[in-house]
């Protein structure tokens, strides 16, 4: 299954690769060069198909858990001052997506969408410290029954030139459902309450709609949430 935003690109790529393979077959006489061109075109096709794939996943919806919104690797876990929406300290968990990861963004929790905004910006590499504040990005806030408001942010990278965001203020968000897509991009940041428990570690690989990023801690419990 492929992402709807990439279907036209996939069809165009199929057409171009098909024409290219035929032209190489009939007009290139040097055997090794013919095979090289055809192989190169097929590799391009495979990469495009892989990038725009959208595997169907069924999340085990749970109000006590924040699930990973994307596939990738955890690159940041820290407490930061979030200034766009909360203006208070939050636990930030950032996930980096390589070109071979699925680039669909999924809702990390169920609730009501309270905020959704697109920000034009730069295209710094995704691991740059300022990428979350200066790159092209979209910010979405979901009001959840247990965690309160949580924010997740799609951040474009050096290769990304378009962010797709489906979230609209006032709509319902269902944990694990598609919320957007980053074309050739690159990072998603989560901003969570300080009193939640983070269940992942740096450099851990995570899977969208499956990996539990954080769990709710009952405020009546004395046990303190720690990294």
C-alpha atoms as a PDB file:
ATOM      1  CA  UNK A   1       0.000   0.000   0.000  1.00  0.00           C
ATOM      2  CA  UNK A   2       1.349   3.411  -0.937  1.00  0.00           C
ATOM      3  CA  UNK A   3       0.766   6.844   0.477  1.00  0.00           C
ATOM      4  CA  UNK A   4      -1.841   8.838  -1.446  1.00  0.00           C
ATOM      5  CA  UNK A   5       0.487  11.835  -1.776  1.00  0.00           C
ATOM      6  CA  UNK A   6       2.966   9.709  -3.710  1.00  0.00           C
ATOM      7  CA  UNK A   7       0.675   7.868  -6.104  1.00  0.00           C
ATOM      8  CA  UNK A   8       1.146  10.344  -8.972  1.00  0.00           C
ATOM      9  CA  UNK A   9       4.911  10.318  -8.438  1.00  0.00           C
ATOM     10  CA  UNK A  10       4.932   6.506  -8.461  1.00  0.00           C
ATOM     11  CA  UNK A  11       2.929   6.340 -11.715  1.00  0.00           C
ATOM     12  CA  UNK A  12       5.210   8.919 -13.342  1.00  0.00           C
ATOM     13  CA  UNK A  13       8.285   7.011 -12.174  1.00  0.00           C
ATOM     14  CA  UNK A  14       6.894   3.723 -13.560  1.00  0.00           C
ATOM     15  CA  UNK A  15       6.360   5.417 -16.924  1.00  0.00           C
ATOM     16  CA  UNK A  16       9.807   7.029 -17.054  1.00  0.00           C
ATOM     17  CA  UNK A  17      11.594   3.862 -15.946  1.00  0.00           C
ATOM     18  CA  UNK A  18       9.664   1.751 -18.463  1.00  0.00           C
ATOM     19  CA  UNK A  19      10.549   4.091 -21.317  1.00  0.00           C
ATOM     20  CA  UNK A  20      14.148   4.270 -20.144  1.00  0.00           C
ATOM     21  CA  UNK A  21      14.525   0.475 -19.993  1.00  0.00           C
ATOM     22  CA  UNK A  22      13.082   0.100 -23.509  1.00  0.00           C
ATOM     23  CA  UNK A  23      15.303   2.841 -24.952  1.00  0.00           C
ATOM     24  CA  UNK A  24      18.372   1.293 -23.338  1.00  0.00           C
ATOM     25  CA  UNK A  25      17.437  -2.126 -24.746  1.00  0.00           C
ATOM     26  CA  UNK A  26      17.014  -0.955 -28.334  1.00  0.00           C
ATOM     27  CA  UNK A  27      19.502   1.922 -28.649  1.00  0.00           C
ATOM     28  CA  UNK A  28      22.511   1.001 -26.490  1.00  0.00           C
ATOM     29  CA  UNK A  29      24.775  -1.526 -28.174  1.00  0.00           C
ATOM     30  CA  UNK A  30      27.401  -1.806 -25.443  1.00  0.00           C
ATOM     31  CA  UNK A  31      26.181  -4.693 -23.305  1.00  0.00           C
ATOM     32  CA  UNK A  32      27.630  -3.598 -19.980  1.00  0.00           C
ATOM     33  CA  UNK A  33      26.366  -0.038 -20.418  1.00  0.00           C
ATOM     34  CA  UNK A  34      22.898  -1.273 -21.355  1.00  0.00           C
ATOM     35  CA  UNK A  35      22.693  -3.411 -18.228  1.00  0.00           C
ATOM     36  CA  UNK A  36      24.053  -0.585 -16.064  1.00  0.00           C
ATOM     37  CA  UNK A  37      21.418   1.905 -17.279  1.00  0.00           C
ATOM     38  CA  UNK A  38      18.584  -0.580 -16.858  1.00  0.00           C
ATOM     39  CA  UNK A  39      19.759  -1.607 -13.392  1.00  0.00           C
ATOM     40  CA  UNK A  40      20.124   2.040 -12.330  1.00  0.00           C
ATOM     41  CA  UNK A  41      16.565   2.824 -13.454  1.00  0.00           C
ATOM     42  CA  UNK A  42      15.185  -0.177 -11.569  1.00  0.00           C
ATOM     43  CA  UNK A  43      17.037   0.881  -8.400  1.00  0.00           C
ATOM     44  CA  UNK A  44      15.492   4.363  -8.691  1.00  0.00           C
ATOM     45  CA  UNK A  45      12.056   2.784  -9.031  1.00  0.00           C
ATOM     46  CA  UNK A  46      12.585   0.584  -5.956  1.00  0.00           C
ATOM     47  CA  UNK A  47      13.739   3.572  -3.878  1.00  0.00           C
ATOM     48  CA  UNK A  48      10.675   5.615  -4.861  1.00  0.00           C
ATOM     49  CA  UNK A  49       8.338   2.701  -4.079  1.00  0.00           C
ATOM     50  CA  UNK A  50      10.012   2.194  -0.713  1.00  0.00           C
ATOM     51  CA  UNK A  51       9.875   5.858   0.225  1.00  0.00           C
ATOM     52  CA  UNK A  52       6.162   6.307  -0.467  1.00  0.00           C
ATOM     53  CA  UNK A  53       5.010   3.027   1.066  1.00  0.00           C
ATOM     54  CA  UNK A  54       2.323   3.240   3.731  1.00  0.00           C
ATOM     55  CA  UNK A  55       2.014  -0.079   5.565  1.00  0.00           C
ATOM     56  CA  UNK A  56      -1.312  -0.483   7.308  1.00  0.00           C
ATOM     57  CA  UNK A  57      -0.932  -0.758  11.064  1.00  0.00           C
ATOM     58  CA  UNK A  58      -3.523  -1.246  13.761  1.00  0.00           C
ATOM     59  CA  UNK A  59      -2.615   0.517  16.975  1.00  0.00           C
ATOM     60  CA  UNK A  60      -3.665  -0.954  20.305  1.00  0.00           C
ATOM     61  CA  UNK A  61      -5.361   2.265  21.385  1.00  0.00           C
ATOM     62  CA  UNK A  62      -4.639   3.140  24.980  1.00  0.00           C
ATOM     63  CA  UNK A  63      -5.226   6.447  26.767  1.00  0.00           C
ATOM     64  CA  UNK A  64      -2.336   5.624  29.131  1.00  0.00           C
ATOM     65  CA  UNK A  65       0.293   5.494  26.352  1.00  0.00           C
ATOM     66  CA  UNK A  66       1.843   7.844  23.823  1.00  0.00           C
ATOM     67  CA  UNK A  67       2.798   5.828  20.729  1.00  0.00           C
ATOM     68  CA  UNK A  68       5.556   6.720  18.318  1.00  0.00           C
ATOM     69  CA  UNK A  69       4.188   8.902  15.491  1.00  0.00           C
ATOM     70  CA  UNK A  70       6.816   7.669  12.994  1.00  0.00           C
ATOM     71  CA  UNK A  71       9.399   5.016  12.204  1.00  0.00           C
ATOM     72  CA  UNK A  72      12.963   6.032  12.965  1.00  0.00           C
ATOM     73  CA  UNK A  73      15.564   6.469  15.686  1.00  0.00           C
ATOM     74  CA  UNK A  74      15.309   8.450  18.920  1.00  0.00           C
ATOM     75  CA  UNK A  75      17.893  11.242  18.782  1.00  0.00           C
ATOM     76  CA  UNK A  76      16.767  13.605  21.583  1.00  0.00           C
ATOM     77  CA  UNK A  77      15.354  13.060  25.079  1.00  0.00           C
ATOM     78  CA  UNK A  78      15.506  16.176  27.218  1.00  0.00           C
ATOM     79  CA  UNK A  79      13.531  18.778  29.129  1.00  0.00           C
ATOM     80  CA  UNK A  80      13.128  21.993  27.152  1.00  0.00           C
ATOM     81  CA  UNK A  81      11.154  25.219  27.193  1.00  0.00           C
ATOM     82  CA  UNK A  82       8.440  24.907  24.535  1.00  0.00           C
ATOM     83  CA  UNK A  83       7.568  28.441  23.383  1.00  0.00           C
ATOM     84  CA  UNK A  84       5.111  28.044  20.501  1.00  0.00           C
ATOM     85  CA  UNK A  85       2.093  26.758  22.422  1.00  0.00           C
ATOM     86  CA  UNK A  86       2.780  25.824  26.054  1.00  0.00           C
ATOM     87  CA  UNK A  87       5.353  28.432  27.159  1.00  0.00           C
ATOM     88  CA  UNK A  88       6.511  26.023  29.811  1.00  0.00           C
ATOM     89  CA  UNK A  89       8.964  23.200  30.332  1.00  0.00           C
ATOM     90  CA  UNK A  90       8.187  19.954  28.517  1.00  0.00           C
ATOM     91  CA  UNK A  91       9.834  16.609  27.903  1.00  0.00           C
ATOM     92  CA  UNK A  92      10.999  16.544  24.286  1.00  0.00           C
ATOM     93  CA  UNK A  93      11.461  13.269  22.421  1.00  0.00           C
ATOM     94  CA  UNK A  94      12.746  13.620  18.846  1.00  0.00           C
ATOM     95  CA  UNK A  95      12.735  10.869  16.227  1.00  0.00           C
ATOM     96  CA  UNK A  96      14.920  11.026  13.123  1.00  0.00           C
ATOM     97  CA  UNK A  97      13.743   9.342   9.919  1.00  0.00           C
ATOM     98  CA  UNK A  98      16.305   8.199   7.368  1.00  0.00           C
ATOM     99  CA  UNK A  99      15.383   8.036   3.653  1.00  0.00           C
ATOM    100  CA  UNK A 100      14.657   4.308   3.998  1.00  0.00           C
ATOM    101  CA  UNK A 101      12.105   4.745   6.815  1.00  0.00           C
ATOM    102  CA  UNK A 102       8.350   4.980   6.305  1.00  0.00           C
ATOM    103  CA  UNK A 103       7.615   8.718   6.238  1.00  0.00           C
ATOM    104  CA  UNK A 104       3.953   8.624   7.239  1.00  0.00           C
ATOM    105  CA  UNK A 105       3.179  10.530  10.448  1.00  0.00           C
ATOM    106  CA  UNK A 106       0.534   8.986  12.713  1.00  0.00           C
ATOM    107  CA  UNK A 107      -1.354  10.420  15.686  1.00  0.00           C
ATOM    108  CA  UNK A 108       0.532   9.455  18.858  1.00  0.00           C
ATOM    109  CA  UNK A 109      -2.616   9.628  20.994  1.00  0.00           C
ATOM    110  CA  UNK A 110      -6.383   9.876  20.714  1.00  0.00           C
ATOM    111  CA  UNK A 111      -8.178  13.105  21.555  1.00  0.00           C
ATOM    112  CA  UNK A 112      -9.318  16.407  20.093  1.00  0.00           C
ATOM    113  CA  UNK A 113      -7.095  18.555  17.875  1.00  0.00           C
ATOM    114  CA  UNK A 114      -6.747  21.930  19.616  1.00  0.00           C
ATOM    115  CA  UNK A 115      -4.067  23.513  17.425  1.00  0.00           C
ATOM    116  CA  UNK A 116      -2.620  22.956  13.953  1.00  0.00           C
ATOM    117  CA  UNK A 117      -0.230  25.382  12.308  1.00  0.00           C
ATOM    118  CA  UNK A 118       2.222  25.406   9.389  1.00  0.00           C
ATOM    119  CA  UNK A 119       5.473  27.364   9.623  1.00  0.00           C
ATOM    120  CA  UNK A 120       7.605  28.122   6.539  1.00  0.00           C
ATOM    121  CA  UNK A 121      11.314  28.016   7.227  1.00  0.00           C
ATOM    122  CA  UNK A 122      14.796  26.819   6.391  1.00  0.00           C
ATOM    123  CA  UNK A 123      16.008  23.352   5.405  1.00  0.00           C
ATOM    124  CA  UNK A 124      18.806  22.685   7.874  1.00  0.00           C
ATOM    125  CA  UNK A 125      19.851  19.073   8.358  1.00  0.00           C
ATOM    126  CA  UNK A 126      17.403  17.354  10.698  1.00  0.00           C
ATOM    127  CA  UNK A 127      19.931  16.827  13.496  1.00  0.00           C
ATOM    128  CA  UNK A 128      20.859  20.534  13.625  1.00  0.00           C
ATOM    129  CA  UNK A 129      20.024  21.967  17.099  1.00  0.00           C
ATOM    130  CA  UNK A 130      18.006  24.798  15.527  1.00  0.00           C
ATOM    131  CA  UNK A 131      16.030  22.661  13.063  1.00  0.00           C
ATOM    132  CA  UNK A 132      12.995  22.413  15.381  1.00  0.00           C
ATOM    133  CA  UNK A 133      12.734  26.204  15.525  1.00  0.00           C
ATOM    134  CA  UNK A 134      13.978  27.386  12.137  1.00  0.00           C
ATOM    135  CA  UNK A 135      13.102  24.675   9.586  1.00  0.00           C
ATOM    136  CA  UNK A 136       9.834  24.331   7.695  1.00  0.00           C
ATOM    137  CA  UNK A 137       7.499  22.551  10.118  1.00  0.00           C
ATOM    138  CA  UNK A 138       3.945  21.909  11.258  1.00  0.00           C
ATOM    139  CA  UNK A 139       2.829  21.797  14.884  1.00  0.00           C
ATOM    140  CA  UNK A 140      -0.225  19.873  16.061  1.00  0.00           C
ATOM    141  CA  UNK A 141      -1.648  19.801  19.581  1.00  0.00           C
ATOM    142  CA  UNK A 142      -3.950  16.993  20.680  1.00  0.00           C
ATOM    143  CA  UNK A 143      -5.929  17.253  23.927  1.00  0.00           C
ATOM    144  CA  UNK A 144      -5.934  13.803  25.515  1.00  0.00           C
ATOM    145  CA  UNK A 145      -7.940  12.414  28.471  1.00  0.00           C
ATOM    146  CA  UNK A 146      -4.878  11.448  30.542  1.00  0.00           C
ATOM    147  CA  UNK A 147      -1.859  13.491  29.387  1.00  0.00           C
ATOM    148  CA  UNK A 148      -3.693  16.737  28.767  1.00  0.00           C
ATOM    149  CA  UNK A 149      -2.379  18.640  25.752  1.00  0.00           C
ATOM    150  CA  UNK A 150       0.527  17.076  23.842  1.00  0.00           C
ATOM    151  CA  UNK A 151       2.290  18.594  20.853  1.00  0.00           C
ATOM    152  CA  UNK A 152       3.980  16.827  17.968  1.00  0.00           C
ATOM    153  CA  UNK A 153       5.910  18.654  15.289  1.00  0.00           C
ATOM    154  CA  UNK A 154       6.850  17.528  11.779  1.00  0.00           C
ATOM    155  CA  UNK A 155      10.199  19.053  10.841  1.00  0.00           C
ATOM    156  CA  UNK A 156      11.560  19.188   7.292  1.00  0.00           C
ATOM    157  CA  UNK A 157      15.222  18.412   6.673  1.00  0.00           C
ATOM    158  CA  UNK A 158      17.883  19.168   4.085  1.00  0.00           C
ATOM    159  CA  UNK A 159      16.108  17.096   1.405  1.00  0.00           C
ATOM    160  CA  UNK A 160      12.511  17.735   2.414  1.00  0.00           C
ATOM    161  CA  UNK A 161      10.612  20.333   0.425  1.00  0.00           C
ATOM    162  CA  UNK A 162       7.023  19.637   1.399  1.00  0.00           C
ATOM    163  CA  UNK A 163       5.182  18.678   4.563  1.00  0.00           C
ATOM    164  CA  UNK A 164       1.660  17.268   4.355  1.00  0.00           C
ATOM    165  CA  UNK A 165      -0.532  17.820   7.423  1.00  0.00           C
ATOM    166  CA  UNK A 166      -4.104  16.508   7.675  1.00  0.00           C
ATOM    167  CA  UNK A 167      -4.829  17.714  11.221  1.00  0.00           C
ATOM    168  CA  UNK A 168      -7.497  20.409  11.510  1.00  0.00           C
ATOM    169  CA  UNK A 169      -8.509  22.185  14.690  1.00  0.00           C
ATOM    170  CA  UNK A 170     -11.645  20.761  16.264  1.00  0.00           C
ATOM    171  CA  UNK A 171     -11.421  17.350  14.622  1.00  0.00           C
ATOM    172  CA  UNK A 172     -11.007  14.052  16.431  1.00  0.00           C
ATOM    173  CA  UNK A 173      -7.580  12.373  16.448  1.00  0.00           C
ATOM    174  CA  UNK A 174      -7.441   8.589  16.631  1.00  0.00           C
ATOM    175  CA  UNK A 175      -4.247   7.019  17.917  1.00  0.00           C
ATOM    176  CA  UNK A 176      -2.323   5.360  15.072  1.00  0.00           C
ATOM    177  CA  UNK A 177      -4.288   6.965  12.208  1.00  0.00           C
ATOM    178  CA  UNK A 178      -2.457   8.945   9.503  1.00  0.00           C
ATOM    179  CA  UNK A 179      -1.919  12.588  10.428  1.00  0.00           C
ATOM    180  CA  UNK A 180       0.516  13.635   7.713  1.00  0.00           C
ATOM    181  CA  UNK A 181       3.525  12.904   5.572  1.00  0.00           C
ATOM    182  CA  UNK A 182       6.963  14.454   5.058  1.00  0.00           C
ATOM    183  CA  UNK A 183       8.285  14.132   1.515  1.00  0.00           C
ATOM    184  CA  UNK A 184      11.976  13.184   1.670  1.00  0.00           C
ATOM    185  CA  UNK A 185      12.059  14.352   5.238  1.00  0.00           C
ATOM    186  CA  UNK A 186      13.177  13.838   8.318  1.00  0.00           C
ATOM    187  CA  UNK A 187      12.226  14.420  11.951  1.00  0.00           C
ATOM    188  CA  UNK A 188       9.280  14.506  14.364  1.00  0.00           C
ATOM    189  CA  UNK A 189       9.415  16.096  17.831  1.00  0.00           C
ATOM    190  CA  UNK A 190       7.074  15.217  20.693  1.00  0.00           C
ATOM    191  CA  UNK A 191       6.498  17.626  23.605  1.00  0.00           C
ATOM    192  CA  UNK A 192       5.055  15.789  26.593  1.00  0.00           C
ATOM    193  CA  UNK A 193       4.192  16.621  30.226  1.00  0.00           C
ATOM    194  CA  UNK A 194       7.037  16.545  32.711  1.00  0.00           C
ATOM    195  CA  UNK A 195       5.255  14.021  34.922  1.00  0.00           C
ATOM    196  CA  UNK A 196       4.962  11.299  32.276  1.00  0.00           C
ATOM    197  CA  UNK A 197       7.381   8.373  32.114  1.00  0.00           C
ATOM    198  CA  UNK A 198       9.581   8.095  29.019  1.00  0.00           C
ATOM    199  CA  UNK A 199       9.909   4.463  27.897  1.00  0.00           C
ATOM    200  CA  UNK A 200      12.505   4.806  25.149  1.00  0.00           C
ATOM    201  CA  UNK A 201      16.223   5.536  25.176  1.00  0.00           C
ATOM    202  CA  UNK A 202      18.602   7.448  22.933  1.00  0.00           C
ATOM    203  CA  UNK A 203      19.428   5.728  19.625  1.00  0.00           C
ATOM    204  CA  UNK A 204      16.565   3.265  20.072  1.00  0.00           C
ATOM    205  CA  UNK A 205      14.722   2.364  16.872  1.00  0.00           C
ATOM    206  CA  UNK A 206      10.985   2.922  17.081  1.00  0.00           C
ATOM    207  CA  UNK A 207       7.996   1.945  14.961  1.00  0.00           C
ATOM    208  CA  UNK A 208       5.084   4.250  14.221  1.00  0.00           C
ATOM    209  CA  UNK A 209       1.777   3.311  15.928  1.00  0.00           C
ATOM    210  CA  UNK A 210       3.509   0.434  17.766  1.00  0.00           C
ATOM    211  CA  UNK A 211       6.363   1.592  20.027  1.00  0.00           C
ATOM    212  CA  UNK A 212       5.300   3.139  23.346  1.00  0.00           C
ATOM    213  CA  UNK A 213       7.156   6.438  23.809  1.00  0.00           C
ATOM    214  CA  UNK A 214       5.696   7.435  27.175  1.00  0.00           C
ATOM    215  CA  UNK A 215       3.192   6.251  29.772  1.00  0.00           C
ATOM    216  CA  UNK A 216       0.838   8.132  32.042  1.00  0.00           C
ATOM    217  CA  UNK A 217       1.780   8.367  35.715  1.00  0.00           C
ATOM    218  CA  UNK A 218      -1.048   8.691  38.186  1.00  0.00           C
ATOM    219  CA  UNK A 219      -0.425  11.880  40.190  1.00  0.00           C
ATOM    220  CA  UNK A 220      -1.624  10.087  43.329  1.00  0.00           C
ATOM    221  CA  UNK A 221       1.268   7.674  43.096  1.00  0.00           C
ATOM    222  CA  UNK A 222       4.399   8.655  44.940  1.00  0.00           C
ATOM    223  CA  UNK A 223       6.716   6.956  42.473  1.00  0.00           C
ATOM    224  CA  UNK A 224       8.428   9.630  40.419  1.00  0.00           C
ATOM    225  CA  UNK A 225       8.657   9.309  36.628  1.00  0.00           C
ATOM    226  CA  UNK A 226      12.265   9.107  35.506  1.00  0.00           C
ATOM    227  CA  UNK A 227      14.175   8.713  32.275  1.00  0.00           C
END
